[in-house]
Amino acid sequence: MAPGEASCIAYAKTHGAVVVTDDKTARECCRRHGVSFTGTIGILKVCSLDGALSTQEANAGLRAMIDAGFYSSVQRISDLM
């Protein structure tokens, strides 16, 4: 975990904020310390739910990221809706 992620976790714990990270180690640290977190998939899902992106746009964004090498446990945001 990089120093920037560690400082984000410390800030979030102190201020009741949410950490946004896709880093596995940082997410595990958040869990251990009771810090809320989300990642790219969660952001795309919320954007789709609140209408900032259509489900098709969220799916297309995720597909482009996967094609560029992003690891995702889901293939489509619409699968989470």
N, C-alpha and C. Protein backbone atom coordinates (compact mmCIF):
# COMPACT_ATOMS: atom_id res chain seq x y z
N MET A 1 0.84 -1.17 0.00
CA MET A 1 0.00 0.00 0.00
C MET A 1 0.89 1.23 0.00
N ALA A 2 0.54 2.18 -0.83
CA ALA A 2 1.34 3.40 -0.97
C ALA A 2 1.02 4.38 0.16
N PRO A 3 1.94 5.32 0.42
CA PRO A 3 1.72 6.31 1.48
C PRO A 3 0.44 7.15 1.27
N GLY A 4 0.11 7.43 0.03
CA GLY A 4 -1.10 8.21 -0.24
C GLY A 4 -2.36 7.48 0.21
N GLU A 5 -2.40 6.19 -0.03
CA GLU A 5 -3.56 5.40 0.40
C GLU A 5 -3.61 5.31 1.91
N ALA A 6 -2.46 5.14 2.54
CA ALA A 6 -2.42 5.08 4.01
C ALA A 6 -2.93 6.38 4.61
N SER A 7 -2.55 7.51 4.03
CA SER A 7 -3.01 8.79 4.57
C SER A 7 -4.51 8.98 4.33
N CYS A 8 -5.02 8.48 3.21
CA CYS A 8 -6.47 8.55 2.95
C CYS A 8 -7.23 7.72 3.98
N ILE A 9 -6.71 6.55 4.31
CA ILE A 9 -7.36 5.70 5.31
C ILE A 9 -7.34 6.37 6.68
N ALA A 10 -6.21 6.95 7.04
CA ALA A 10 -6.11 7.65 8.32
C ALA A 10 -7.10 8.81 8.37
N TYR A 11 -7.18 9.57 7.30
CA TYR A 11 -8.12 10.70 7.25
C TYR A 11 -9.55 10.20 7.37
N ALA A 12 -9.88 9.17 6.61
CA ALA A 12 -11.25 8.63 6.62
C ALA A 12 -11.62 8.12 8.01
N LYS A 13 -10.71 7.46 8.68
CA LYS A 13 -10.99 6.95 10.02
C LYS A 13 -11.23 8.10 10.99
N THR A 14 -10.46 9.14 10.88
CA THR A 14 -10.58 10.28 11.78
C THR A 14 -11.83 11.11 11.51
N HIS A 15 -12.21 11.23 10.23
CA HIS A 15 -13.30 12.13 9.84
C HIS A 15 -14.57 11.42 9.39
N GLY A 16 -14.60 10.09 9.47
CA GLY A 16 -15.79 9.35 9.07
C GLY A 16 -16.06 9.41 7.58
N ALA A 17 -15.00 9.50 6.81
CA ALA A 17 -15.12 9.58 5.34
C ALA A 17 -15.03 8.19 4.72
N VAL A 18 -15.23 8.13 3.43
CA VAL A 18 -15.16 6.88 2.67
C VAL A 18 -13.90 6.92 1.80
N VAL A 19 -13.14 5.83 1.82
CA VAL A 19 -11.95 5.70 0.99
C VAL A 19 -12.36 5.11 -0.35
N VAL A 20 -11.83 5.66 -1.42
CA VAL A 20 -12.06 5.13 -2.76
C VAL A 20 -10.74 4.53 -3.24
N THR A 21 -10.73 3.20 -3.37
CA THR A 21 -9.51 2.52 -3.80
C THR A 21 -9.85 1.17 -4.41
N ASP A 22 -9.04 0.75 -5.35
CA ASP A 22 -9.14 -0.60 -5.91
C ASP A 22 -7.98 -1.47 -5.42
N ASP A 23 -7.12 -0.90 -4.58
CA ASP A 23 -5.95 -1.61 -4.08
C ASP A 23 -6.36 -2.64 -3.02
N LYS A 24 -6.03 -3.90 -3.26
CA LYS A 24 -6.43 -4.98 -2.35
C LYS A 24 -5.91 -4.78 -0.93
N THR A 25 -4.67 -4.41 -0.80
CA THR A 25 -4.08 -4.21 0.52
C THR A 25 -4.76 -3.05 1.25
N ALA A 26 -5.02 -1.98 0.54
CA ALA A 26 -5.69 -0.82 1.16
C ALA A 26 -7.10 -1.19 1.60
N ARG A 27 -7.80 -1.97 0.80
CA ARG A 27 -9.16 -2.39 1.15
C ARG A 27 -9.13 -3.28 2.40
N GLU A 28 -8.14 -4.18 2.49
CA GLU A 28 -8.00 -5.02 3.67
C GLU A 28 -7.71 -4.18 4.91
N CYS A 29 -6.90 -3.16 4.76
CA CYS A 29 -6.60 -2.25 5.86
C CYS A 29 -7.87 -1.52 6.30
N CYS A 30 -8.66 -1.07 5.34
CA CYS A 30 -9.94 -0.42 5.67
C CYS A 30 -10.82 -1.37 6.48
N ARG A 31 -10.92 -2.60 6.05
CA ARG A 31 -11.73 -3.59 6.77
C ARG A 31 -11.25 -3.75 8.22
N ARG A 32 -9.93 -3.90 8.37
CA ARG A 32 -9.36 -4.10 9.72
C ARG A 32 -9.64 -2.92 10.64
N HIS A 33 -9.68 -1.73 10.07
CA HIS A 33 -9.85 -0.52 10.88
C HIS A 33 -11.27 0.04 10.86
N GLY A 34 -12.19 -0.70 10.26
CA GLY A 34 -13.59 -0.27 10.26
C GLY A 34 -13.86 0.98 9.44
N VAL A 35 -13.10 1.15 8.37
CA VAL A 35 -13.25 2.32 7.50
C VAL A 35 -14.05 1.91 6.27
N SER A 36 -15.09 2.68 5.96
CA SER A 36 -15.89 2.41 4.76
C SER A 36 -15.05 2.67 3.51
N PHE A 37 -15.29 1.86 2.48
CA PHE A 37 -14.56 2.05 1.23
C PHE A 37 -15.42 1.62 0.06
N THR A 38 -15.04 2.10 -1.09
CA THR A 38 -15.62 1.68 -2.35
C THR A 38 -14.51 1.72 -3.39
N GLY A 39 -14.86 1.29 -4.59
CA GLY A 39 -13.88 1.30 -5.68
C GLY A 39 -14.55 1.68 -6.98
N THR A 40 -13.88 1.43 -8.05
CA THR A 40 -14.37 1.79 -9.38
C THR A 40 -15.73 1.18 -9.66
N ILE A 41 -15.90 -0.09 -9.35
CA ILE A 41 -17.17 -0.77 -9.61
C ILE A 41 -18.29 -0.10 -8.83
N GLY A 42 -18.05 0.18 -7.56
CA GLY A 42 -19.05 0.84 -6.74
C GLY A 42 -19.42 2.22 -7.25
N ILE A 43 -18.44 2.96 -7.72
CA ILE A 43 -18.71 4.30 -8.26
C ILE A 43 -19.53 4.20 -9.54
N LEU A 44 -19.16 3.29 -10.42
CA LEU A 44 -19.93 3.12 -11.65
C LEU A 44 -21.37 2.69 -11.35
N LYS A 45 -21.54 1.82 -10.37
CA LYS A 45 -22.88 1.37 -9.99
C LYS A 45 -23.72 2.54 -9.48
N VAL A 46 -23.17 3.33 -8.57
CA VAL A 46 -23.90 4.47 -8.01
C VAL A 46 -24.20 5.50 -9.10
N CYS A 47 -23.26 5.75 -9.98
CA CYS A 47 -23.49 6.69 -11.08
C CYS A 47 -24.64 6.21 -11.97
N SER A 48 -24.72 4.92 -12.16
CA SER A 48 -25.80 4.35 -12.96
C SER A 48 -27.13 4.44 -12.22
N LEU A 49 -27.10 4.14 -10.92
CA LEU A 49 -28.33 4.19 -10.12
C LEU A 49 -28.90 5.60 -10.01
N ASP A 50 -28.01 6.60 -9.89
CA ASP A 50 -28.53 7.96 -9.71
C ASP A 50 -28.70 8.73 -11.01
N GLY A 51 -28.42 8.08 -12.13
CA GLY A 51 -28.67 8.69 -13.43
C GLY A 51 -27.54 9.53 -13.99
N ALA A 52 -26.41 9.60 -13.29
CA ALA A 52 -25.27 10.35 -13.82
C ALA A 52 -24.73 9.67 -15.08
N LEU A 53 -24.85 8.35 -15.14
CA LEU A 53 -24.50 7.56 -16.32
C LEU A 53 -25.65 6.60 -16.59
N SER A 54 -25.90 6.33 -17.83
CA SER A 54 -26.85 5.27 -18.14
C SER A 54 -26.16 3.94 -17.84
N THR A 55 -26.95 2.90 -17.68
CA THR A 55 -26.35 1.58 -17.45
C THR A 55 -25.46 1.19 -18.61
N GLN A 56 -25.87 1.56 -19.83
CA GLN A 56 -25.06 1.24 -21.00
C GLN A 56 -23.73 1.99 -20.95
N GLU A 57 -23.75 3.24 -20.51
CA GLU A 57 -22.50 4.01 -20.40
C GLU A 57 -21.59 3.41 -19.34
N ALA A 58 -22.17 3.02 -18.21
CA ALA A 58 -21.37 2.39 -17.14
C ALA A 58 -20.77 1.08 -17.63
N ASN A 59 -21.57 0.27 -18.33
CA ASN A 59 -21.06 -0.98 -18.89
C ASN A 59 -19.93 -0.72 -19.88
N ALA A 60 -20.12 0.27 -20.73
CA ALA A 60 -19.10 0.60 -21.74
C ALA A 60 -17.82 1.09 -21.07
N GLY A 61 -17.96 1.90 -20.03
CA GLY A 61 -16.78 2.39 -19.31
C GLY A 61 -16.01 1.25 -18.67
N LEU A 62 -16.75 0.36 -18.03
CA LEU A 62 -16.10 -0.80 -17.42
C LEU A 62 -15.44 -1.68 -18.47
N ARG A 63 -16.11 -1.91 -19.59
CA ARG A 63 -15.54 -2.73 -20.67
C ARG A 63 -14.24 -2.12 -21.17
N ALA A 64 -14.22 -0.80 -21.35
CA ALA A 64 -12.99 -0.13 -21.82
C ALA A 64 -11.87 -0.30 -20.80
N MET A 65 -12.19 -0.22 -19.52
CA MET A 65 -11.18 -0.40 -18.49
C MET A 65 -10.65 -1.83 -18.49
N ILE A 66 -11.55 -2.81 -18.60
CA ILE A 66 -11.13 -4.21 -18.64
C ILE A 66 -10.25 -4.46 -19.85
N ASP A 67 -10.65 -3.91 -20.99
CA ASP A 67 -9.85 -4.08 -22.21
C ASP A 67 -8.46 -3.46 -22.07
N ALA A 68 -8.34 -2.44 -21.21
CA ALA A 68 -7.05 -1.78 -20.99
C ALA A 68 -6.24 -2.46 -19.89
N GLY A 69 -6.79 -3.54 -19.28
CA GLY A 69 -6.03 -4.29 -18.29
C GLY A 69 -6.55 -4.22 -16.86
N PHE A 70 -7.64 -3.51 -16.62
CA PHE A 70 -8.23 -3.42 -15.28
C PHE A 70 -8.83 -4.77 -14.90
N TYR A 71 -8.51 -5.28 -13.70
CA TYR A 71 -9.13 -6.51 -13.24
C TYR A 71 -10.48 -6.19 -12.63
N SER A 72 -11.50 -6.90 -13.03
CA SER A 72 -12.83 -6.71 -12.48
C SER A 72 -13.46 -8.08 -12.22
N SER A 73 -14.08 -8.19 -11.05
CA SER A 73 -14.78 -9.43 -10.72
C SER A 73 -16.13 -9.51 -11.41
N VAL A 74 -16.59 -8.41 -11.97
CA VAL A 74 -17.84 -8.40 -12.75
C VAL A 74 -17.54 -7.91 -14.16
N GLN A 75 -18.34 -8.32 -15.09
CA GLN A 75 -18.14 -7.92 -16.48
C GLN A 75 -19.05 -6.79 -16.91
N ARG A 76 -20.17 -6.62 -16.20
CA ARG A 76 -21.12 -5.55 -16.54
C ARG A 76 -21.71 -4.97 -15.27
N ILE A 77 -21.80 -3.68 -15.22
CA ILE A 77 -22.43 -3.02 -14.09
C ILE A 77 -23.90 -3.43 -14.01
N SER A 78 -24.53 -3.66 -15.13
CA SER A 78 -25.93 -4.05 -15.14
C SER A 78 -26.16 -5.37 -14.39
N ASP A 79 -25.13 -6.19 -14.25
CA ASP A 79 -25.26 -7.43 -13.48
C ASP A 79 -25.45 -7.16 -11.98
N LEU A 80 -25.12 -5.96 -11.55
CA LEU A 80 -25.21 -5.60 -10.13
C LEU A 80 -26.50 -4.88 -9.78
N MET A 81 -27.26 -4.56 -10.79
CA MET A 81 -28.48 -3.76 -10.57
C MET A 81 -29.65 -4.63 -10.13
